[in-house]
Amino acid sequence: MNLREMHCEPVLAGTEPLNKEKIQVYMEQLPVEWRVYDNKRLTREFPFENFQRGMAFAQEIARLAEEEQHHPLVCVSFPKVEVELSTHDIGGLSRNDFIMAAKIDEL
């Protein structure tokens, strides 16, 4: 199933974060602009022509995060919006991070 069609599910504390192989499988479903750092953080920068558009995009991310109950770090600093995803309860990446990344790309 396509990541954009999936929904985030609760991740229990103590669940193992994704390993490198599984991360690579999910990365193949995202645009190349997404980057993984330390197998713990998934990040991307989105350029915007003005601050107001960047803020509107951040608000759309907030709406989506509430719907999915998975909340990224979002930093608006003209001329870009930086997004970072991680599943803090497990200290690394979960499928939810990749689902959110795919959905954010649709915005």
C-alpha atoms as a PDB file:
ATOM      1  CA  MET A   1       0.000   0.000   0.000  1.00  0.00           C
ATOM      2  CA  ASN A   2       1.121   3.536  -0.793  1.00  0.00           C
ATOM      3  CA  LEU A   3       2.343   5.534   2.231  1.00  0.00           C
ATOM      4  CA  ARG A   4      -0.006   8.430   1.372  1.00  0.00           C
ATOM      5  CA  GLU A   5      -2.988   6.099   1.681  1.00  0.00           C
ATOM      6  CA  MET A   6      -1.978   4.827   5.123  1.00  0.00           C
ATOM      7  CA  HIS A   7      -2.687   6.391   8.513  1.00  0.00           C
ATOM      8  CA  CYS A   8      -0.466   6.747  11.536  1.00  0.00           C
ATOM      9  CA  GLU A   9      -1.046   4.263  14.331  1.00  0.00           C
ATOM     10  CA  PRO A  10      -0.038   4.472  17.987  1.00  0.00           C
ATOM     11  CA  VAL A  11       3.517   3.266  18.627  1.00  0.00           C
ATOM     12  CA  LEU A  12       4.091   1.766  22.038  1.00  0.00           C
ATOM     13  CA  ALA A  13       7.093   2.762  24.091  1.00  0.00           C
ATOM     14  CA  GLY A  14       9.619  -0.046  23.883  1.00  0.00           C
ATOM     15  CA  THR A  15       8.884  -0.761  20.218  1.00  0.00           C
ATOM     16  CA  GLU A  16      12.110  -1.107  18.254  1.00  0.00           C
ATOM     17  CA  PRO A  17      12.822   1.735  15.790  1.00  0.00           C
ATOM     18  CA  LEU A  18      13.117   0.828  12.135  1.00  0.00           C
ATOM     19  CA  ASN A  19      16.413  -0.711  11.054  1.00  0.00           C
ATOM     20  CA  LYS A  20      18.497   0.558   8.117  1.00  0.00           C
ATOM     21  CA  GLU A  21      17.003  -1.938   5.673  1.00  0.00           C
ATOM     22  CA  LYS A  22      13.400  -1.009   6.461  1.00  0.00           C
ATOM     23  CA  ILE A  23      14.267   2.693   6.390  1.00  0.00           C
ATOM     24  CA  GLN A  24      15.701   2.218   2.891  1.00  0.00           C
ATOM     25  CA  VAL A  25      12.500   0.506   1.700  1.00  0.00           C
ATOM     26  CA  TYR A  26      10.409   3.449   2.903  1.00  0.00           C
ATOM     27  CA  MET A  27      12.896   6.023   1.551  1.00  0.00           C
ATOM     28  CA  GLU A  28      12.369   4.594  -1.923  1.00  0.00           C
ATOM     29  CA  GLN A  29       8.750   5.773  -1.687  1.00  0.00           C
ATOM     30  CA  LEU A  30       9.671   9.400  -0.880  1.00  0.00           C
ATOM     31  CA  PRO A  31      11.137  12.166  -3.047  1.00  0.00           C
ATOM     32  CA  VAL A  32      14.930  12.412  -2.935  1.00  0.00           C
ATOM     33  CA  GLU A  33      14.753  15.704  -1.007  1.00  0.00           C
ATOM     34  CA  TRP A  34      13.971  13.793   2.193  1.00  0.00           C
ATOM     35  CA  ARG A  35      17.084  12.867   4.205  1.00  0.00           C
ATOM     36  CA  VAL A  36      17.676  10.478   7.102  1.00  0.00           C
ATOM     37  CA  TYR A  37      20.164  11.406   9.830  1.00  0.00           C
ATOM     38  CA  ASP A  38      21.570   8.859  12.286  1.00  0.00           C
ATOM     39  CA  ASN A  39      18.657   6.512  11.452  1.00  0.00           C
ATOM     40  CA  LYS A  40      16.695   8.647  13.926  1.00  0.00           C
ATOM     41  CA  ARG A  41      15.469  11.744  12.069  1.00  0.00           C
ATOM     42  CA  LEU A  42      13.778  12.287   8.713  1.00  0.00           C
ATOM     43  CA  THR A  43      14.132  15.846   7.395  1.00  0.00           C
ATOM     44  CA  ARG A  44      13.324  18.041   4.425  1.00  0.00           C
ATOM     45  CA  GLU A  45      13.434  21.749   3.547  1.00  0.00           C
ATOM     46  CA  PHE A  46      10.647  23.290   1.488  1.00  0.00           C
ATOM     47  CA  PRO A  47      11.484  26.612  -0.245  1.00  0.00           C
ATOM     48  CA  PHE A  48       8.873  29.398  -0.396  1.00  0.00           C
ATOM     49  CA  GLU A  49       8.833  32.700  -2.238  1.00  0.00           C
ATOM     50  CA  ASN A  50       7.594  34.600   0.812  1.00  0.00           C
ATOM     51  CA  PHE A  51       7.085  34.238   4.547  1.00  0.00           C
ATOM     52  CA  GLN A  52       3.289  34.215   4.348  1.00  0.00           C
ATOM     53  CA  ARG A  53       3.242  31.166   2.044  1.00  0.00           C
ATOM     54  CA  GLY A  54       5.669  29.369   4.346  1.00  0.00           C
ATOM     55  CA  MET A  55       3.410  30.065   7.337  1.00  0.00           C
ATOM     56  CA  ALA A  56       0.353  28.811   5.429  1.00  0.00           C
ATOM     57  CA  PHE A  57       2.219  25.599   4.609  1.00  0.00           C
ATOM     58  CA  ALA A  58       3.196  25.172   8.281  1.00  0.00           C
ATOM     59  CA  GLN A  59      -0.482  25.564   9.239  1.00  0.00           C
ATOM     60  CA  GLU A  60      -1.432  22.824   6.772  1.00  0.00           C
ATOM     61  CA  ILE A  61       1.204  20.568   8.323  1.00  0.00           C
ATOM     62  CA  ALA A  62      -0.278  21.319  11.763  1.00  0.00           C
ATOM     63  CA  ARG A  63      -3.772  20.379  10.553  1.00  0.00           C
ATOM     64  CA  LEU A  64      -2.459  17.123   9.078  1.00  0.00           C
ATOM     65  CA  ALA A  65      -0.461  16.331  12.230  1.00  0.00           C
ATOM     66  CA  GLU A  66      -3.579  16.678  14.355  1.00  0.00           C
ATOM     67  CA  GLU A  67      -5.557  14.414  12.008  1.00  0.00           C
ATOM     68  CA  GLU A  68      -2.830  11.758  12.114  1.00  0.00           C
ATOM     69  CA  GLN A  69      -1.818  12.333  15.754  1.00  0.00           C
ATOM     70  CA  HIS A  70       1.846  12.383  14.756  1.00  0.00           C
ATOM     71  CA  HIS A  71       3.538  15.741  15.194  1.00  0.00           C
ATOM     72  CA  PRO A  72       6.705  16.858  13.396  1.00  0.00           C
ATOM     73  CA  LEU A  73       9.098  19.612  14.292  1.00  0.00           C
ATOM     74  CA  VAL A  74       8.328  22.516  11.942  1.00  0.00           C
ATOM     75  CA  CYS A  75      10.558  25.575  11.632  1.00  0.00           C
ATOM     76  CA  VAL A  76       9.497  28.521   9.469  1.00  0.00           C
ATOM     77  CA  SER A  77      12.395  30.775   8.544  1.00  0.00           C
ATOM     78  CA  PHE A  78      12.108  32.738   5.323  1.00  0.00           C
ATOM     79  CA  PRO A  79      12.697  31.566   2.627  1.00  0.00           C
ATOM     80  CA  LYS A  80      12.052  27.985   3.756  1.00  0.00           C
ATOM     81  CA  VAL A  81      10.126  25.648   6.030  1.00  0.00           C
ATOM     82  CA  GLU A  82      12.131  22.871   7.656  1.00  0.00           C
ATOM     83  CA  VAL A  83      10.348  19.676   8.701  1.00  0.00           C
ATOM     84  CA  GLU A  84      11.810  17.003  10.962  1.00  0.00           C
ATOM     85  CA  LEU A  85      10.078  13.733  11.789  1.00  0.00           C
ATOM     86  CA  SER A  86      10.990  11.231  14.474  1.00  0.00           C
ATOM     87  CA  THR A  87       9.094   8.940  16.826  1.00  0.00           C
ATOM     88  CA  HIS A  88      10.382  10.158  20.164  1.00  0.00           C
ATOM     89  CA  ASP A  89       8.764   7.390  22.246  1.00  0.00           C
ATOM     90  CA  ILE A  90      11.029   4.825  20.552  1.00  0.00           C
ATOM     91  CA  GLY A  91      14.090   7.023  19.992  1.00  0.00           C
ATOM     92  CA  GLY A  92      14.129   6.633  16.224  1.00  0.00           C
ATOM     93  CA  LEU A  93      12.037   6.253  13.113  1.00  0.00           C
ATOM     94  CA  SER A  94       8.756   4.417  12.749  1.00  0.00           C
ATOM     95  CA  ARG A  95       6.480   3.854   9.766  1.00  0.00           C
ATOM     96  CA  ASN A  96       4.460   6.859  11.001  1.00  0.00           C
ATOM     97  CA  ASP A  97       7.338   9.192  10.152  1.00  0.00           C
ATOM     98  CA  PHE A  98       7.337   8.016   6.546  1.00  0.00           C
ATOM     99  CA  ILE A  99       3.546   8.179   6.308  1.00  0.00           C
ATOM    100  CA  MET A 100       3.652  11.798   7.486  1.00  0.00           C
ATOM    101  CA  ALA A 101       6.480  12.653   5.086  1.00  0.00           C
ATOM    102  CA  ALA A 102       4.478  11.275   2.149  1.00  0.00           C
ATOM    103  CA  LYS A 103       1.353  13.166   3.238  1.00  0.00           C
ATOM    104  CA  ILE A 104       3.290  16.405   3.774  1.00  0.00           C
ATOM    105  CA  ASP A 105       4.581  16.113   0.211  1.00  0.00           C
ATOM    106  CA  GLU A 106       0.967  16.079  -1.006  1.00  0.00           C
ATOM    107  CA  LEU A 107       0.179  19.440   0.619  1.00  0.00           C
END
